[in-house]
PDB file of N, CA and C in Angstrom:
ATOM      1  N   MET A   1     119.197  54.769  71.317  1.00  0.00           N
ATOM      2  CA  MET A   1     120.533  55.193  72.534  1.00  0.00           C
ATOM      3  C   MET A   1     121.464  56.253  71.896  1.00  0.00           C
ATOM      4  N   ASP A   2     121.944  57.438  72.822  1.00  0.00           N
ATOM      5  CA  ASP A   2     122.333  58.289  71.963  1.00  0.00           C
ATOM      6  C   ASP A   2     124.465  58.515  72.292  1.00  0.00           C
ATOM      7  N   HIS A   3     124.797  59.057  71.769  1.00  0.00           N
ATOM      8  CA  HIS A   3     126.037  58.924  71.748  1.00  0.00           C
ATOM      9  C   HIS A   3     126.182  58.898  73.294  1.00  0.00           C
ATOM     10  N   GLU A   4     125.846  60.139  74.316  1.00  0.00           N
ATOM     11  CA  GLU A   4     126.128  60.095  75.766  1.00  0.00           C
ATOM     12  C   GLU A   4     126.231  58.754  76.661  1.00  0.00           C
ATOM     13  N   THR A   5     124.960  58.585  76.382  1.00  0.00           N
ATOM     14  CA  THR A   5     124.473  57.287  76.997  1.00  0.00           C
ATOM     15  C   THR A   5     125.231  55.878  76.615  1.00  0.00           C
ATOM     16  N   ARG A   6     125.819  55.782  75.268  1.00  0.00           N
ATOM     17  CA  ARG A   6     126.607  54.460  74.940  1.00  0.00           C
ATOM     18  C   ARG A   6     127.823  55.189  75.757  1.00  0.00           C
ATOM     19  N   GLU A   7     128.100  56.227  75.783  1.00  0.00           N
ATOM     20  CA  GLU A   7     129.477  56.548  76.207  1.00  0.00           C
ATOM     21  C   GLU A   7     129.997  55.882  77.697  1.00  0.00           C
ATOM     22  N   LEU A   8     129.181  56.754  78.219  1.00  0.00           N
ATOM     23  CA  LEU A   8     128.898  56.531  79.882  1.00  0.00           C
ATOM     24  C   LEU A   8     128.644  54.742  80.020  1.00  0.00           C
ATOM     25  N   LEU A   9     127.771  53.925  79.984  1.00  0.00           N
ATOM     26  CA  LEU A   9     127.696  52.712  79.448  1.00  0.00           C
ATOM     27  C   LEU A   9     129.198  52.085  79.361  1.00  0.00           C
ATOM     28  N   GLY A  10     129.589  52.772  78.386  1.00  0.00           N
ATOM     29  CA  GLY A  10     131.397  51.897  78.004  1.00  0.00           C
ATOM     30  C   GLY A  10     132.185  51.927  79.154  1.00  0.00           C
ATOM     31  N   ASN A  11     132.009  53.003  79.585  1.00  0.00           N
ATOM     32  CA  ASN A  11     132.485  53.826  80.948  1.00  0.00           C
ATOM     33  C   ASN A  11     132.446  52.402  82.287  1.00  0.00           C
ATOM     34  N   ILE A  12     130.898  52.744  82.475  1.00  0.00           N
ATOM     35  CA  ILE A  12     130.763  51.739  83.462  1.00  0.00           C
ATOM     36  C   ILE A  12     131.195  49.910  82.948  1.00  0.00           C
ATOM     37  N   MET A  13     131.168  49.525  82.270  1.00  0.00           N
ATOM     38  CA  MET A  13     131.597  48.503  81.669  1.00  0.00           C
ATOM     39  C   MET A  13     133.001  48.128  81.739  1.00  0.00           C
ATOM     40  N   GLY A  14     133.647  49.644  82.095  1.00  0.00           N
ATOM     41  CA  GLY A  14     135.479  49.000  81.617  1.00  0.00           C
ATOM     42  C   GLY A  14     135.247  49.279  83.394  1.00  0.00           C
ATOM     43  N   LEU A  15     134.890  49.889  83.940  1.00  0.00           N
ATOM     44  CA  LEU A  15     135.021  49.859  85.327  1.00  0.00           C
ATOM     45  C   LEU A  15     134.470  48.417  85.880  1.00  0.00           C
ATOM     46  N   LEU A  16     133.463  47.931  85.466  1.00  0.00           N
ATOM     47  CA  LEU A  16     133.146  46.531  85.742  1.00  0.00           C
ATOM     48  C   LEU A  16     133.969  45.579  85.584  1.00  0.00           C
ATOM     49  N   GLU A  17     134.307  45.601  84.942  1.00  0.00           N
ATOM     50  CA  GLU A  17     135.725  44.497  84.534  1.00  0.00           C
ATOM     51  C   GLU A  17     137.105  44.832  84.904  1.00  0.00           C
ATOM     52  N   VAL A  18     137.436  46.310  85.246  1.00  0.00           N
ATOM     53  CA  VAL A  18     138.287  46.429  86.192  1.00  0.00           C
ATOM     54  C   VAL A  18     138.166  45.510  87.289  1.00  0.00           C
ATOM     55  N   MET A  19     137.058  45.993  88.247  1.00  0.00           N
ATOM     56  CA  MET A  19     136.642  45.224  89.618  1.00  0.00           C
ATOM     57  C   MET A  19     136.524  43.939  89.370  1.00  0.00           C
ATOM     58  N   LYS A  20     136.173  43.533  88.281  1.00  0.00           N
ATOM     59  CA  LYS A  20     136.227  41.762  88.260  1.00  0.00           C
ATOM     60  C   LYS A  20     137.874  41.222  88.501  1.00  0.00           C
ATOM     61  N   LYS A  21     138.695  42.223  87.761  1.00  0.00           N
ATOM     62  CA  LYS A  21     139.470  41.778  87.727  1.00  0.00           C
ATOM     63  C   LYS A  21     140.851  41.840  89.168  1.00  0.00           C
ATOM     64  N   ASP A  22     140.475  42.672  89.795  1.00  0.00           N
ATOM     65  CA  ASP A  22     140.634  43.306  91.094  1.00  0.00           C
ATOM     66  C   ASP A  22     140.416  42.311  92.110  1.00  0.00           C
ATOM     67  N   ILE A  23     138.893  41.892  91.831  1.00  0.00           N
ATOM     68  CA  ILE A  23     138.195  40.667  92.823  1.00  0.00           C
ATOM     69  C   ILE A  23     139.073  39.304  92.703  1.00  0.00           C
ATOM     70  N   LYS A  24     139.220  38.995  91.346  1.00  0.00           N
ATOM     71  CA  LYS A  24     140.391  37.967  91.004  1.00  0.00           C
ATOM     72  C   LYS A  24     141.436  38.062  91.656  1.00  0.00           C
ATOM     73  N   VAL A  25     142.072  38.790  91.787  1.00  0.00           N
ATOM     74  CA  VAL A  25     143.567  38.987  92.473  1.00  0.00           C
ATOM     75  C   VAL A  25     143.356  38.802  93.778  1.00  0.00           C
ATOM     76  N   ILE A  26     142.040  39.828  94.215  1.00  0.00           N
ATOM     77  CA  ILE A  26     142.016  39.580  95.586  1.00  0.00           C
ATOM     78  C   ILE A  26     141.788  38.152  96.346  1.00  0.00           C
ATOM     79  N   LYS A  27     140.908  37.512  95.747  1.00  0.00           N
ATOM     80  CA  LYS A  27     140.626  36.194  96.075  1.00  0.00           C
ATOM     81  C   LYS A  27     142.131  35.350  95.866  1.00  0.00           C
ATOM     82  N   GLN A  28     143.026  35.376  95.123  1.00  0.00           N
ATOM     83  CA  GLN A  28     144.095  34.831  94.955  1.00  0.00           C
ATOM     84  C   GLN A  28     144.808  34.956  96.326  1.00  0.00           C
ATOM     85  N   ASP A  29     145.280  36.372  96.176  1.00  0.00           N
ATOM     86  CA  ASP A  29     146.386  37.014  97.489  1.00  0.00           C
ATOM     87  C   ASP A  29     145.676  35.887  98.744  1.00  0.00           C
ATOM     88  N   ILE A  30     144.446  36.094  98.875  1.00  0.00           N
ATOM     89  CA  ILE A  30     143.901  35.557  99.577  1.00  0.00           C
ATOM     90  C   ILE A  30     144.077  34.040 100.081  1.00  0.00           C
ATOM     91  N   TYR A  31     143.928  33.428  98.653  1.00  0.00           N
ATOM     92  CA  TYR A  31     144.582  31.646  98.684  1.00  0.00           C
ATOM     93  C   TYR A  31     145.864  31.264  99.414  1.00  0.00           C
ATOM     94  N   LEU A  32     146.480  32.422  98.667  1.00  0.00           N
ATOM     95  CA  LEU A  32     148.186  32.132  98.963  1.00  0.00           C
ATOM     96  C   LEU A  32     148.191  32.652 100.444  1.00  0.00           C
ATOM     97  N   MET A  33     147.756  33.498 101.319  1.00  0.00           N
ATOM     98  CA  MET A  33     147.781  34.107 102.445  1.00  0.00           C
ATOM     99  C   MET A  33     147.223  32.501 103.222  1.00  0.00           C
ATOM    100  N   ASN A  34     145.906  31.870 103.053  1.00  0.00           N
ATOM    101  CA  ASN A  34     145.419  31.078 103.598  1.00  0.00           C
ATOM    102  C   ASN A  34     146.653  29.487 103.927  1.00  0.00           C
ATOM    103  N   SER A  35     146.917  29.670 102.555  1.00  0.00           N
ATOM    104  CA  SER A  35     148.075  28.337 102.188  1.00  0.00           C
ATOM    105  C   SER A  35     149.198  28.487 102.917  1.00  0.00           C
ATOM    106  N   ARG A  36     149.554  29.895 103.167  1.00  0.00           N
ATOM    107  CA  ARG A  36     150.807  29.772 103.665  1.00  0.00           C
ATOM    108  C   ARG A  36     150.412  30.083 105.310  1.00  0.00           C
ATOM    109  N   GLN A  37     149.388  30.166 105.689  1.00  0.00           N
ATOM    110  CA  GLN A  37     148.704  29.950 107.425  1.00  0.00           C
ATOM    111  C   GLN A  37     149.333  28.646 107.250  1.00  0.00           C
ATOM    112  N   GLU A  38     148.523  27.440 106.407  1.00  0.00           N
ATOM    113  CA  GLU A  38     148.393  26.500 106.836  1.00  0.00           C
ATOM    114  C   GLU A  38     149.656  25.372 106.890  1.00  0.00           C
ATOM    115  N   GLY A  39     150.727  26.113 106.070  1.00  0.00           N
ATOM    116  CA  GLY A  39     151.964  25.545 105.543  1.00  0.00           C
ATOM    117  C   GLY A  39     152.524  26.023 107.369  1.00  0.00           C
ATOM    118  N   ALA A  40     152.310  26.988 107.950  1.00  0.00           N
ATOM    119  CA  ALA A  40     153.088  27.771 108.951  1.00  0.00           C
ATOM    120  C   ALA A  40     152.689  26.719 109.867  1.00  0.00           C
ATOM    121  N   ASN A  41     151.159  26.505 110.167  1.00  0.00           N
ATOM    122  CA  ASN A  41     150.497  25.577 111.227  1.00  0.00           C
ATOM    123  C   ASN A  41     150.798  24.041 111.256  1.00  0.00           C
ATOM    124  N   LEU A  42     151.217  23.616 110.167  1.00  0.00           N
ATOM    125  CA  LEU A  42     151.704  22.292 109.857  1.00  0.00           C
ATOM    126  C   LEU A  42     152.863  22.061 110.329  1.00  0.00           C
ATOM    127  N   MET A  43     153.975  23.165 109.880  1.00  0.00           N
ATOM    128  CA  MET A  43     155.493  23.136 110.555  1.00  0.00           C
ATOM    129  C   MET A  43     155.474  23.532 112.191  1.00  0.00           C
ATOM    130  N   ASN A  44     154.809  24.457 112.831  1.00  0.00           N
ATOM    131  CA  ASN A  44     154.482  24.236 113.825  1.00  0.00           C
ATOM    132  C   ASN A  44     154.310  23.001 114.842  1.00  0.00           C
ATOM    133  N   ARG A  45     152.902  22.472 114.199  1.00  0.00           N
ATOM    134  CA  ARG A  45     152.722  21.345 114.415  1.00  0.00           C
ATOM    135  C   ARG A  45     153.576  20.373 114.645  1.00  0.00           C
ATOM    136  N   GLY A  46     154.599  20.251 113.508  1.00  0.00           N
ATOM    137  CA  GLY A  46     155.800  19.142 113.303  1.00  0.00           C
ATOM    138  C   GLY A  46     156.681  19.909 114.493  1.00  0.00           C
ATOM    139  N   LEU A  47     156.965  20.541 114.655  1.00  0.00           N
ATOM    140  CA  LEU A  47     157.880  20.962 115.770  1.00  0.00           C
ATOM    141  C   LEU A  47     157.825  20.346 117.041  1.00  0.00           C
ATOM    142  N   GLU A  48     156.200  20.906 117.249  1.00  0.00           N
ATOM    143  CA  GLU A  48     155.870  20.630 118.516  1.00  0.00           C
ATOM    144  C   GLU A  48     155.848  19.025 118.747  1.00  0.00           C
ATOM    145  N   GLU A  49     155.749  18.362 117.294  1.00  0.00           N
ATOM    146  CA  GLU A  49     155.685  16.803 118.090  1.00  0.00           C
ATOM    147  C   GLU A  49     157.181  16.205 118.045  1.00  0.00           C
ATOM    148  N   SER A  50     158.191  16.777 117.576  1.00  0.00           N
ATOM    149  CA  SER A  50     159.500  16.841 117.494  1.00  0.00           C
ATOM    150  C   SER A  50     159.895  16.763 119.222  1.00  0.00           C
ATOM    151  N   ARG A  51     159.183  18.138 119.508  1.00  0.00           N
ATOM    152  CA  ARG A  51     159.498  18.420 121.038  1.00  0.00           C
ATOM    153  C   ARG A  51     158.972  17.666 121.602  1.00  0.00           C
ATOM    154  N   GLN A  52     158.089  16.659 121.622  1.00  0.00           N
ATOM    155  CA  GLN A  52     157.223  16.112 122.405  1.00  0.00           C
ATOM    156  C   GLN A  52     158.039  14.538 122.388  1.00  0.00           C
ATOM    157  N   GLN A  53     158.732  14.142 121.321  1.00  0.00           N
ATOM    158  CA  GLN A  53     159.489  13.193 121.213  1.00  0.00           C
ATOM    159  C   GLN A  53     161.039  13.260 121.664  1.00  0.00           C
ATOM    160  N   PHE A  54     161.268  14.597 121.517  1.00  0.00           N
ATOM    161  CA  PHE A  54     162.388  14.562 122.924  1.00  0.00           C
ATOM    162  C   PHE A  54     162.406  14.720 124.266  1.00  0.00           C
ATOM    163  N   LYS A  55     161.077  15.263 124.457  1.00  0.00           N
ATOM    164  CA  LYS A  55     160.915  15.609 125.595  1.00  0.00           C
ATOM    165  C   LYS A  55     161.108  13.390 126.664  1.00  0.00           C
ATOM    166  N   ALA A  56     160.263  12.568 125.415  1.00  0.00           N
ATOM    167  CA  ALA A  56     160.287  11.386 126.062  1.00  0.00           C
ATOM    168  C   ALA A  56     161.778  10.627 126.003  1.00  0.00           C
ATOM    169  N   LEU A  57     162.628  10.767 125.044  1.00  0.00           N
ATOM    170  CA  LEU A  57     163.730  10.577 125.229  1.00  0.00           C
ATOM    171  C   LEU A  57     164.197  11.009 126.205  1.00  0.00           C
ATOM    172  N   GLU A  58     164.532  12.423 126.421  1.00  0.00           N
ATOM    173  CA  GLU A  58     164.935  13.120 127.577  1.00  0.00           C
ATOM    174  C   GLU A  58     164.650  12.232 128.784  1.00  0.00           C
ATOM    175  N   VAL A  59     163.276  11.823 128.912  1.00  0.00           N
ATOM    176  CA  VAL A  59     162.809  10.806 130.371  1.00  0.00           C
ATOM    177  C   VAL A  59     163.451   9.664 130.424  1.00  0.00           C
ATOM    178  N   LYS A  60     163.202   9.252 129.208  1.00  0.00           N
ATOM    179  CA  LYS A  60     164.108   7.632 129.019  1.00  0.00           C
ATOM    180  C   LYS A  60     165.508   7.696 129.464  1.00  0.00           C
ATOM    181  N   LYS A  61     166.041   8.893 129.282  1.00  0.00           N
ATOM    182  CA  LYS A  61     167.945   9.241 129.166  1.00  0.00           C
ATOM    183  C   LYS A  61     168.084   8.981 130.773  1.00  0.00           C
ATOM    184  N   SER A  62     166.983  10.186 131.014  1.00  0.00           N
ATOM    185  CA  SER A  62     166.982  10.200 132.530  1.00  0.00           C
ATOM    186  C   SER A  62     166.623   9.171 133.621  1.00  0.00           C
ATOM    187  N   SER A  63     165.975   8.345 133.242  1.00  0.00           N
ATOM    188  CA  SER A  63     165.382   7.134 133.898  1.00  0.00           C
ATOM    189  C   SER A  63     166.856   5.989 134.280  1.00  0.00           C
ATOM    190  N   CYS A  64     167.023   6.117 132.866  1.00  0.00           N
ATOM    191  CA  CYS A  64     168.165   4.558 132.279  1.00  0.00           C
ATOM    192  C   CYS A  64     169.048   4.352 133.241  1.00  0.00           C
ATOM    193  N   PRO A  65     170.130   5.900 133.264  1.00  0.00           N
ATOM    194  CA  PRO A  65     171.164   5.182 134.666  1.00  0.00           C
ATOM    195  C   PRO A  65     170.800   4.747 135.675  1.00  0.00           C
ATOM    196  N   THR A  66     169.427   5.655 136.152  1.00  0.00           N
ATOM    197  CA  THR A  66     168.880   5.077 137.529  1.00  0.00           C
ATOM    198  C   THR A  66     168.671   3.509 137.677  1.00  0.00           C
ATOM    199  N   ALA A  67     168.134   2.880 136.749  1.00  0.00           N
ATOM    200  CA  ALA A  67     167.709   1.691 136.419  1.00  0.00           C
ATOM    201  C   ALA A  67     169.213   0.786 135.966  1.00  0.00           C
ATOM    202  N   VAL A  68     170.037   1.488 135.468  1.00  0.00           N
ATOM    203  CA  VAL A  68     171.352   0.835 135.290  1.00  0.00           C
ATOM    204  C   VAL A  68     172.174   0.403 136.687  1.00  0.00           C
ATOM    205  N   ASN A  69     172.051   1.464 137.290  1.00  0.00           N
ATOM    206  CA  ASN A  69     172.682   2.082 138.350  1.00  0.00           C
ATOM    207  C   ASN A  69     172.028   0.599 140.062  1.00  0.00           C
ATOM    208  N   ASP A  70     170.650   0.583 139.581  1.00  0.00           N
ATOM    209  CA  ASP A  70     169.901  -0.466 140.316  1.00  0.00           C
ATOM    210  C   ASP A  70     170.378  -2.114 139.755  1.00  0.00           C
ATOM    211  N   GLN A  71     170.692  -1.859 138.805  1.00  0.00           N
ATOM    212  CA  GLN A  71     170.495  -3.131 138.294  1.00  0.00           C
ATOM    213  C   GLN A  71     172.015  -3.887 138.379  1.00  0.00           C
ATOM    214  N   LEU A  72     172.800  -3.046 138.758  1.00  0.00           N
ATOM    215  CA  LEU A  72     174.444  -3.493 138.924  1.00  0.00           C
ATOM    216  C   LEU A  72     174.410  -3.263 140.558  1.00  0.00           C
ATOM    217  N   LYS A  73     173.481  -2.608 141.483  1.00  0.00           N
ATOM    218  CA  LYS A  73     173.281  -2.684 142.769  1.00  0.00           C
ATOM    219  C   LYS A  73     172.805  -4.094 143.209  1.00  0.00           C
ATOM    220  N   MET A  74     172.080  -4.006 142.671  1.00  0.00           N
ATOM    221  CA  MET A  74     171.392  -6.072 143.054  1.00  0.00           C
ATOM    222  C   MET A  74     172.391  -6.866 142.233  1.00  0.00           C
ATOM    223  N   SER A  75     172.843  -6.828 141.189  1.00  0.00           N
ATOM    224  CA  SER A  75     173.970  -7.956 140.584  1.00  0.00           C
ATOM    225  C   SER A  75     175.142  -8.111 142.039  1.00  0.00           C
ATOM    226  N   ARG A  76     175.843  -6.527 142.861  1.00  0.00           N
ATOM    227  CA  ARG A  76     176.906  -6.651 143.549  1.00  0.00           C
ATOM    228  C   ARG A  76     176.481  -7.734 144.857  1.00  0.00           C
ATOM    229  N   LEU A  77     174.952  -7.168 145.463  1.00  0.00           N
ATOM    230  CA  LEU A  77     174.102  -8.095 146.045  1.00  0.00           C
ATOM    231  C   LEU A  77     174.375  -9.666 146.447  1.00  0.00           C
ATOM    232  N   LYS A  78     173.846  -9.836 145.215  1.00  0.00           N
ATOM    233  CA  LYS A  78     173.848 -11.139 144.637  1.00  0.00           C
ATOM    234  C   LYS A  78     174.883 -12.142 145.388  1.00  0.00           C
TER     235      LYS A  78
END
Protein backbone atom coordinates (compact mmCIF):
# COMPACT_ATOMS: atom_id res chain seq x y z
CA MET A 1 0.00 0.00 0.00
CA ASP A 2 1.46 3.32 -1.00
CA HIS A 3 1.70 6.38 1.24
CA GLU A 4 -1.23 8.25 -0.39
CA THR A 5 -3.62 5.30 -0.02
CA ARG A 6 -2.53 4.79 3.60
CA GLU A 7 -3.15 8.49 4.31
CA LEU A 8 -6.63 8.39 2.71
CA LEU A 9 -7.49 5.26 4.67
CA GLY A 10 -6.34 6.97 7.89
CA ASN A 11 -8.52 9.98 7.09
CA ILE A 12 -11.51 7.72 6.45
CA MET A 13 -10.91 5.87 9.72
CA GLY A 14 -10.71 9.20 11.55
CA LEU A 15 -13.99 10.36 10.01
CA LEU A 16 -15.65 7.08 10.97
CA GLU A 17 -14.52 7.53 14.58
CA VAL A 18 -15.97 11.06 14.63
CA MET A 19 -19.25 9.78 13.18
CA LYS A 20 -19.34 7.00 15.79
CA LYS A 21 -18.94 9.54 18.60
CA ASP A 22 -21.57 11.83 17.07
CA ILE A 23 -24.04 8.95 16.84
CA LYS A 24 -23.39 8.08 20.49
CA VAL A 25 -24.09 11.69 21.53
CA ILE A 26 -27.26 11.78 19.41
CA LYS A 27 -28.48 8.56 21.03
CA GLN A 28 -27.86 10.04 24.49
CA ASP A 29 -29.75 13.21 23.53
CA ILE A 30 -32.70 11.17 22.27
CA TYR A 31 -32.70 9.12 25.48
CA LEU A 32 -32.70 12.29 27.58
CA MET A 33 -35.50 13.85 25.54
CA ASN A 34 -37.59 10.68 25.90
CA SER A 35 -36.92 10.61 29.64
CA ARG A 36 -37.98 14.22 30.00
CA GLN A 37 -41.11 13.57 27.95
CA GLU A 38 -41.98 10.56 30.12
CA GLY A 39 -41.45 12.68 33.22
CA ALA A 40 -43.71 15.39 31.84
CA ASN A 41 -46.35 12.80 30.96
CA LEU A 42 -46.21 11.36 34.48
CA MET A 43 -46.52 14.82 35.98
CA ASN A 44 -49.49 15.66 33.75
CA ARG A 45 -51.14 12.37 34.65
CA GLY A 46 -50.63 13.12 38.34
CA LEU A 47 -52.09 16.60 37.92
CA GLU A 48 -55.11 15.19 36.11
CA GLU A 49 -55.67 12.64 38.88
CA SER A 50 -55.47 15.44 41.46
CA ARG A 51 -58.00 17.47 39.50
CA GLN A 52 -60.34 14.50 39.40
CA GLN A 53 -60.00 14.06 43.16
CA PHE A 54 -60.71 17.76 43.72
CA LYS A 55 -63.77 17.53 41.48
CA ALA A 56 -65.01 14.55 43.49
CA LEU A 57 -64.48 16.49 46.72
CA GLU A 58 -66.31 19.50 45.26
CA VAL A 59 -69.28 17.31 44.39
CA LYS A 60 -69.31 15.84 47.89
CA LYS A 61 -68.91 19.29 49.40
CA SER A 62 -71.75 20.77 47.38
CA SER A 63 -74.09 17.86 48.12
CA CYS A 64 -73.20 17.68 51.81
CA PRO A 65 -74.98 20.89 52.92
CA THR A 66 -78.11 19.76 51.09
CA ALA A 67 -78.06 16.47 52.98
CA VAL A 68 -77.53 18.31 56.28
CA ASN A 69 -80.41 20.67 55.49
CA ASP A 70 -82.65 17.73 54.63
CA GLN A 71 -81.76 16.03 57.91
CA LEU A 72 -82.51 19.21 59.85
CA LYS A 73 -85.88 19.54 58.13
CA MET A 74 -86.69 15.92 58.91
CA SER A 75 -85.73 16.37 62.55
CA ARG A 76 -87.92 19.50 62.80
CA LEU A 77 -90.88 17.65 61.36
CA LYS A 78 -90.60 14.93 64.01
